[in-house]
Amino acid sequence: MAFLFDSSDNITLADNAALTFPDADWAIGGWVKFSSRTGTTARNLWTWGSGYSSHTQLRVGDASHASFPDDINIFFIDDDGTNITFSTGANEFQSNTAWTHILVERTGTTIAIYKNGTQTGSGSNASLDALNAGASFKLGNNAYNNGTFLGDMAEWAKWDRALTTAEKAGLAVGY
């Protein structure tokens, strides 16, 4: 299923235990195609949580973003208030028009970010623990409604485990 997002669209799913990231291995991924990344410094693909409490957001920075220009970035505030950010590095995501598969995976204390099946960034943080936002999951925006995604999203899924190499490769080519 694909969704088209424009100026202020988003999809909000009520808090549900099935959306909770376990304090263990997990993965989340899907397809995106931007129609625009101008007018804001970050376009949020999804956010789980609200306000400044425990939340997670996956976003792509605009070229003008000071901290993460043109990169894929995942930001966490875990349940004890620790702020952790993992990014792919500048200039990883310059295309606005091509379908791109993005996958974020946690294995132990390591977060890895994949673009079209290739790992483009990773980092470890022993402080990363329970991510228990106890709030809604939002596709196409952030917790503050100021980072609207503009474009198409399709086939987003979450796993409560790390994926095999073959599974990651298959997702990146649409299997």
C-alpha atoms as a PDB file:
ATOM      1  CA  MET A   1       0.000   0.000   0.000  1.00  0.00           C
ATOM      2  CA  ALA A   2       1.315   3.464  -0.874  1.00  0.00           C
ATOM      3  CA  PHE A   3       0.420   6.850   0.577  1.00  0.00           C
ATOM      4  CA  LEU A   4       0.849  10.302  -0.983  1.00  0.00           C
ATOM      5  CA  PHE A   5       1.628  13.094   1.480  1.00  0.00           C
ATOM      6  CA  ASP A   6       1.370  16.796   0.639  1.00  0.00           C
ATOM      7  CA  SER A   7       1.381  20.098   2.533  1.00  0.00           C
ATOM      8  CA  SER A   8       0.050  18.955   5.919  1.00  0.00           C
ATOM      9  CA  ASP A   9      -0.787  15.266   5.535  1.00  0.00           C
ATOM     10  CA  ASN A  10       0.181  12.603   8.012  1.00  0.00           C
ATOM     11  CA  ILE A  11      -1.165   9.342   9.326  1.00  0.00           C
ATOM     12  CA  THR A  12      -1.449   8.910  13.072  1.00  0.00           C
ATOM     13  CA  LEU A  13      -1.808   5.470  14.627  1.00  0.00           C
ATOM     14  CA  ALA A  14      -2.924   5.250  18.255  1.00  0.00           C
ATOM     15  CA  ASP A  15      -0.528   3.823  20.820  1.00  0.00           C
ATOM     16  CA  ASN A  16      -0.414   0.068  20.364  1.00  0.00           C
ATOM     17  CA  ALA A  17       1.871  -2.555  21.904  1.00  0.00           C
ATOM     18  CA  ALA A  18       2.602  -3.912  18.403  1.00  0.00           C
ATOM     19  CA  LEU A  19       4.321  -0.596  17.566  1.00  0.00           C
ATOM     20  CA  THR A  20       6.610  -0.649  20.613  1.00  0.00           C
ATOM     21  CA  PHE A  21      10.307  -1.117  19.914  1.00  0.00           C
ATOM     22  CA  PRO A  22      11.555  -3.846  22.248  1.00  0.00           C
ATOM     23  CA  ASP A  23      14.591  -3.270  24.459  1.00  0.00           C
ATOM     24  CA  ALA A  24      16.325  -5.743  22.174  1.00  0.00           C
ATOM     25  CA  ASP A  25      16.883  -6.174  18.432  1.00  0.00           C
ATOM     26  CA  TRP A  26      14.388  -4.664  15.970  1.00  0.00           C
ATOM     27  CA  ALA A  27      14.153  -3.275  12.435  1.00  0.00           C
ATOM     28  CA  ILE A  28      11.856  -0.870  10.620  1.00  0.00           C
ATOM     29  CA  GLY A  29      11.926  -0.017   6.941  1.00  0.00           C
ATOM     30  CA  GLY A  30      10.024   1.052   3.883  1.00  0.00           C
ATOM     31  CA  TRP A  31      10.045   2.935   0.607  1.00  0.00           C
ATOM     32  CA  VAL A  32      10.022   6.732   0.142  1.00  0.00           C
ATOM     33  CA  LYS A  33       9.948   9.060  -2.847  1.00  0.00           C
ATOM     34  CA  PHE A  34      10.184  12.772  -2.154  1.00  0.00           C
ATOM     35  CA  SER A  35       8.281  15.319  -4.196  1.00  0.00           C
ATOM     36  CA  SER A  36      10.024  18.177  -2.335  1.00  0.00           C
ATOM     37  CA  ARG A  37      12.556  18.722   0.414  1.00  0.00           C
ATOM     38  CA  THR A  38      12.649  22.518   0.277  1.00  0.00           C
ATOM     39  CA  GLY A  39      11.079  24.903   2.765  1.00  0.00           C
ATOM     40  CA  THR A  40      12.141  23.085   5.905  1.00  0.00           C
ATOM     41  CA  THR A  41      15.435  21.783   7.223  1.00  0.00           C
ATOM     42  CA  ALA A  42      14.215  18.224   7.900  1.00  0.00           C
ATOM     43  CA  ARG A  43      11.513  16.007   6.429  1.00  0.00           C
ATOM     44  CA  ASN A  44      10.200  13.467   8.927  1.00  0.00           C
ATOM     45  CA  LEU A  45       9.349  10.020   7.630  1.00  0.00           C
ATOM     46  CA  TRP A  46       7.908   8.865  10.956  1.00  0.00           C
ATOM     47  CA  THR A  47       7.788   9.713  14.625  1.00  0.00           C
ATOM     48  CA  TRP A  48       6.791   7.604  17.570  1.00  0.00           C
ATOM     49  CA  GLY A  49       6.065   9.581  20.720  1.00  0.00           C
ATOM     50  CA  SER A  50       5.255  13.178  21.441  1.00  0.00           C
ATOM     51  CA  GLY A  51       6.832  16.354  22.721  1.00  0.00           C
ATOM     52  CA  TYR A  52      10.138  16.196  24.552  1.00  0.00           C
ATOM     53  CA  SER A  53       9.368  12.933  26.327  1.00  0.00           C
ATOM     54  CA  SER A  54      10.520   9.523  25.142  1.00  0.00           C
ATOM     55  CA  HIS A  55      10.263   9.469  21.356  1.00  0.00           C
ATOM     56  CA  THR A  56      11.968   8.382  18.157  1.00  0.00           C
ATOM     57  CA  GLN A  57      11.955  10.025  14.747  1.00  0.00           C
ATOM     58  CA  LEU A  58      13.406   9.111  11.364  1.00  0.00           C
ATOM     59  CA  ARG A  59      14.087  12.117   9.156  1.00  0.00           C
ATOM     60  CA  VAL A  60      16.010  13.254   6.090  1.00  0.00           C
ATOM     61  CA  GLY A  61      17.841  16.564   6.257  1.00  0.00           C
ATOM     62  CA  ASP A  62      17.669  19.257   3.616  1.00  0.00           C
ATOM     63  CA  ALA A  63      20.934  20.541   2.138  1.00  0.00           C
ATOM     64  CA  SER A  64      20.574  23.625   4.346  1.00  0.00           C
ATOM     65  CA  HIS A  65      20.397  21.681   7.639  1.00  0.00           C
ATOM     66  CA  ALA A  66      23.400  22.575   9.803  1.00  0.00           C
ATOM     67  CA  SER A  67      23.661  19.238  11.648  1.00  0.00           C
ATOM     68  CA  PHE A  68      22.659  16.671   9.020  1.00  0.00           C
ATOM     69  CA  PRO A  69      22.621  18.045   5.465  1.00  0.00           C
ATOM     70  CA  ASP A  70      21.203  15.573   2.920  1.00  0.00           C
ATOM     71  CA  ASP A  71      21.510  12.615   5.252  1.00  0.00           C
ATOM     72  CA  ILE A  72      19.223  10.050   6.845  1.00  0.00           C
ATOM     73  CA  ASN A  73      19.032  10.620  10.571  1.00  0.00           C
ATOM     74  CA  ILE A  74      17.343   8.728  13.412  1.00  0.00           C
ATOM     75  CA  PHE A  75      16.899  10.468  16.740  1.00  0.00           C
ATOM     76  CA  PHE A  76      15.985   8.845  20.058  1.00  0.00           C
ATOM     77  CA  ILE A  77      15.016  10.073  23.477  1.00  0.00           C
ATOM     78  CA  ASP A  78      14.834   6.847  25.449  1.00  0.00           C
ATOM     79  CA  ASP A  79      12.741   6.245  28.546  1.00  0.00           C
ATOM     80  CA  ASP A  80      15.372   7.635  30.936  1.00  0.00           C
ATOM     81  CA  GLY A  81      15.759  10.843  28.888  1.00  0.00           C
ATOM     82  CA  THR A  82      18.988  10.001  27.044  1.00  0.00           C
ATOM     83  CA  ASN A  83      19.227  11.795  23.644  1.00  0.00           C
ATOM     84  CA  ILE A  84      20.945   9.731  20.954  1.00  0.00           C
ATOM     85  CA  THR A  85      21.285  10.484  17.223  1.00  0.00           C
ATOM     86  CA  PHE A  86      22.639   8.290  14.435  1.00  0.00           C
ATOM     87  CA  SER A  87      23.172   9.626  10.901  1.00  0.00           C
ATOM     88  CA  THR A  88      24.425   8.421   7.553  1.00  0.00           C
ATOM     89  CA  GLY A  89      26.681  11.405   6.977  1.00  0.00           C
ATOM     90  CA  ALA A  90      26.358  14.450   4.775  1.00  0.00           C
ATOM     91  CA  ASN A  91      25.233  14.186   1.162  1.00  0.00           C
ATOM     92  CA  GLU A  92      23.871  10.635   1.421  1.00  0.00           C
ATOM     93  CA  PHE A  93      20.368  11.510   0.265  1.00  0.00           C
ATOM     94  CA  GLN A  94      20.277  14.050  -2.555  1.00  0.00           C
ATOM     95  CA  SER A  95      17.593  12.589  -4.819  1.00  0.00           C
ATOM     96  CA  ASN A  96      14.100  13.983  -4.459  1.00  0.00           C
ATOM     97  CA  THR A  97      12.485  11.916  -7.177  1.00  0.00           C
ATOM     98  CA  ALA A  98      13.663   8.281  -7.020  1.00  0.00           C
ATOM     99  CA  TRP A  99      12.057   5.559  -4.920  1.00  0.00           C
ATOM    100  CA  THR A 100      14.469   4.743  -2.110  1.00  0.00           C
ATOM    101  CA  HIS A 101      14.326   1.918   0.419  1.00  0.00           C
ATOM    102  CA  ILE A 102      15.338   2.939   3.949  1.00  0.00           C
ATOM    103  CA  LEU A 103      15.866   0.462   6.767  1.00  0.00           C
ATOM    104  CA  VAL A 104      16.939   1.145  10.348  1.00  0.00           C
ATOM    105  CA  GLU A 105      18.022  -1.805  12.469  1.00  0.00           C
ATOM    106  CA  ARG A 106      19.027  -2.202  16.102  1.00  0.00           C
ATOM    107  CA  THR A 107      21.308  -5.078  17.027  1.00  0.00           C
ATOM    108  CA  GLY A 108      22.372  -4.927  20.668  1.00  0.00           C
ATOM    109  CA  THR A 109      23.510  -1.331  21.231  1.00  0.00           C
ATOM    110  CA  THR A 110      24.249  -0.708  17.541  1.00  0.00           C
ATOM    111  CA  ILE A 111      21.937   1.173  15.197  1.00  0.00           C
ATOM    112  CA  ALA A 112      22.558   0.685  11.465  1.00  0.00           C
ATOM    113  CA  ILE A 113      20.942   2.692   8.675  1.00  0.00           C
ATOM    114  CA  TYR A 114      20.552   1.143   5.217  1.00  0.00           C
ATOM    115  CA  LYS A 115      19.716   2.883   1.948  1.00  0.00           C
ATOM    116  CA  ASN A 116      18.720   0.624  -0.950  1.00  0.00           C
ATOM    117  CA  GLY A 117      20.245  -2.380   0.839  1.00  0.00           C
ATOM    118  CA  THR A 118      23.629  -0.799   1.547  1.00  0.00           C
ATOM    119  CA  GLN A 119      24.610   0.155   5.071  1.00  0.00           C
ATOM    120  CA  THR A 120      25.318   3.893   4.969  1.00  0.00           C
ATOM    121  CA  GLY A 121      25.712   4.676   8.646  1.00  0.00           C
ATOM    122  CA  SER A 122      25.917   3.059  12.052  1.00  0.00           C
ATOM    123  CA  GLY A 123      26.866   3.750  15.604  1.00  0.00           C
ATOM    124  CA  SER A 124      26.786   2.196  19.026  1.00  0.00           C
ATOM    125  CA  ASN A 125      25.634   3.662  22.282  1.00  0.00           C
ATOM    126  CA  ALA A 126      25.532   1.578  25.456  1.00  0.00           C
ATOM    127  CA  SER A 127      23.087   4.128  26.958  1.00  0.00           C
ATOM    128  CA  LEU A 128      20.380   3.216  24.444  1.00  0.00           C
ATOM    129  CA  ASP A 129      17.799   1.288  26.409  1.00  0.00           C
ATOM    130  CA  ALA A 130      14.026   0.998  26.449  1.00  0.00           C
ATOM    131  CA  LEU A 131      12.174   3.036  23.838  1.00  0.00           C
ATOM    132  CA  ASN A 132       8.732   3.183  25.331  1.00  0.00           C
ATOM    133  CA  ALA A 133       7.005   6.320  24.098  1.00  0.00           C
ATOM    134  CA  GLY A 134       3.513   5.244  25.147  1.00  0.00           C
ATOM    135  CA  ALA A 135       2.121   7.559  22.484  1.00  0.00           C
ATOM    136  CA  SER A 136       0.966   7.589  18.887  1.00  0.00           C
ATOM    137  CA  PHE A 137       3.008   6.577  15.851  1.00  0.00           C
ATOM    138  CA  LYS A 138       2.911   9.166  13.079  1.00  0.00           C
ATOM    139  CA  LEU A 139       3.862   8.663   9.435  1.00  0.00           C
ATOM    140  CA  GLY A 140       4.723  11.800   7.472  1.00  0.00           C
ATOM    141  CA  ASN A 141       5.484  14.264  10.270  1.00  0.00           C
ATOM    142  CA  ASN A 142       7.141  14.699  13.647  1.00  0.00           C
ATOM    143  CA  ALA A 143       5.822  15.083  17.181  1.00  0.00           C
ATOM    144  CA  TYR A 144       5.688  18.881  16.791  1.00  0.00           C
ATOM    145  CA  ASN A 145       3.970  18.934  13.350  1.00  0.00           C
ATOM    146  CA  ASN A 146       6.731  21.055  11.840  1.00  0.00           C
ATOM    147  CA  GLY A 147       8.642  18.629   9.617  1.00  0.00           C
ATOM    148  CA  THR A 148       6.086  17.462   7.090  1.00  0.00           C
ATOM    149  CA  PHE A 149       7.109  14.778   4.619  1.00  0.00           C
ATOM    150  CA  LEU A 150       6.193  15.620   1.010  1.00  0.00           C
ATOM    151  CA  GLY A 151       6.009  12.685  -1.362  1.00  0.00           C
ATOM    152  CA  ASP A 152       5.105   9.001  -1.413  1.00  0.00           C
ATOM    153  CA  MET A 153       5.652   6.207   1.124  1.00  0.00           C
ATOM    154  CA  ALA A 154       5.012   2.523   0.632  1.00  0.00           C
ATOM    155  CA  GLU A 155       5.385  -0.841   2.334  1.00  0.00           C
ATOM    156  CA  TRP A 156       6.601   0.243   5.785  1.00  0.00           C
ATOM    157  CA  ALA A 157       7.025  -2.619   8.236  1.00  0.00           C
ATOM    158  CA  LYS A 158       8.471  -3.254  11.700  1.00  0.00           C
ATOM    159  CA  TRP A 159      10.153  -6.411  12.974  1.00  0.00           C
ATOM    160  CA  ASP A 160      10.910  -7.309  16.597  1.00  0.00           C
ATOM    161  CA  ARG A 161      14.223  -8.850  15.589  1.00  0.00           C
ATOM    162  CA  ALA A 162      17.256  -8.118  13.449  1.00  0.00           C
ATOM    163  CA  LEU A 163      16.897  -9.116   9.797  1.00  0.00           C
ATOM    164  CA  THR A 164      19.120 -11.530   7.920  1.00  0.00           C
ATOM    165  CA  THR A 165      21.387 -10.256   5.155  1.00  0.00           C
ATOM    166  CA  ALA A 166      19.158 -11.981   2.589  1.00  0.00           C
ATOM    167  CA  GLU A 167      16.022 -10.348   4.029  1.00  0.00           C
ATOM    168  CA  LYS A 168      17.609  -6.877   3.864  1.00  0.00           C
ATOM    169  CA  ALA A 169      18.751  -7.450   0.275  1.00  0.00           C
ATOM    170  CA  GLY A 170      15.311  -8.707  -0.724  1.00  0.00           C
ATOM    171  CA  LEU A 171      13.506  -5.728   0.792  1.00  0.00           C
ATOM    172  CA  ALA A 172      15.807  -3.331  -1.044  1.00  0.00           C
ATOM    173  CA  VAL A 173      14.820  -4.791  -4.414  1.00  0.00           C
ATOM    174  CA  GLY A 174      11.138  -5.094  -3.597  1.00  0.00           C
ATOM    175  CA  TYR A 175      10.740  -8.787  -2.625  1.00  0.00           C
END
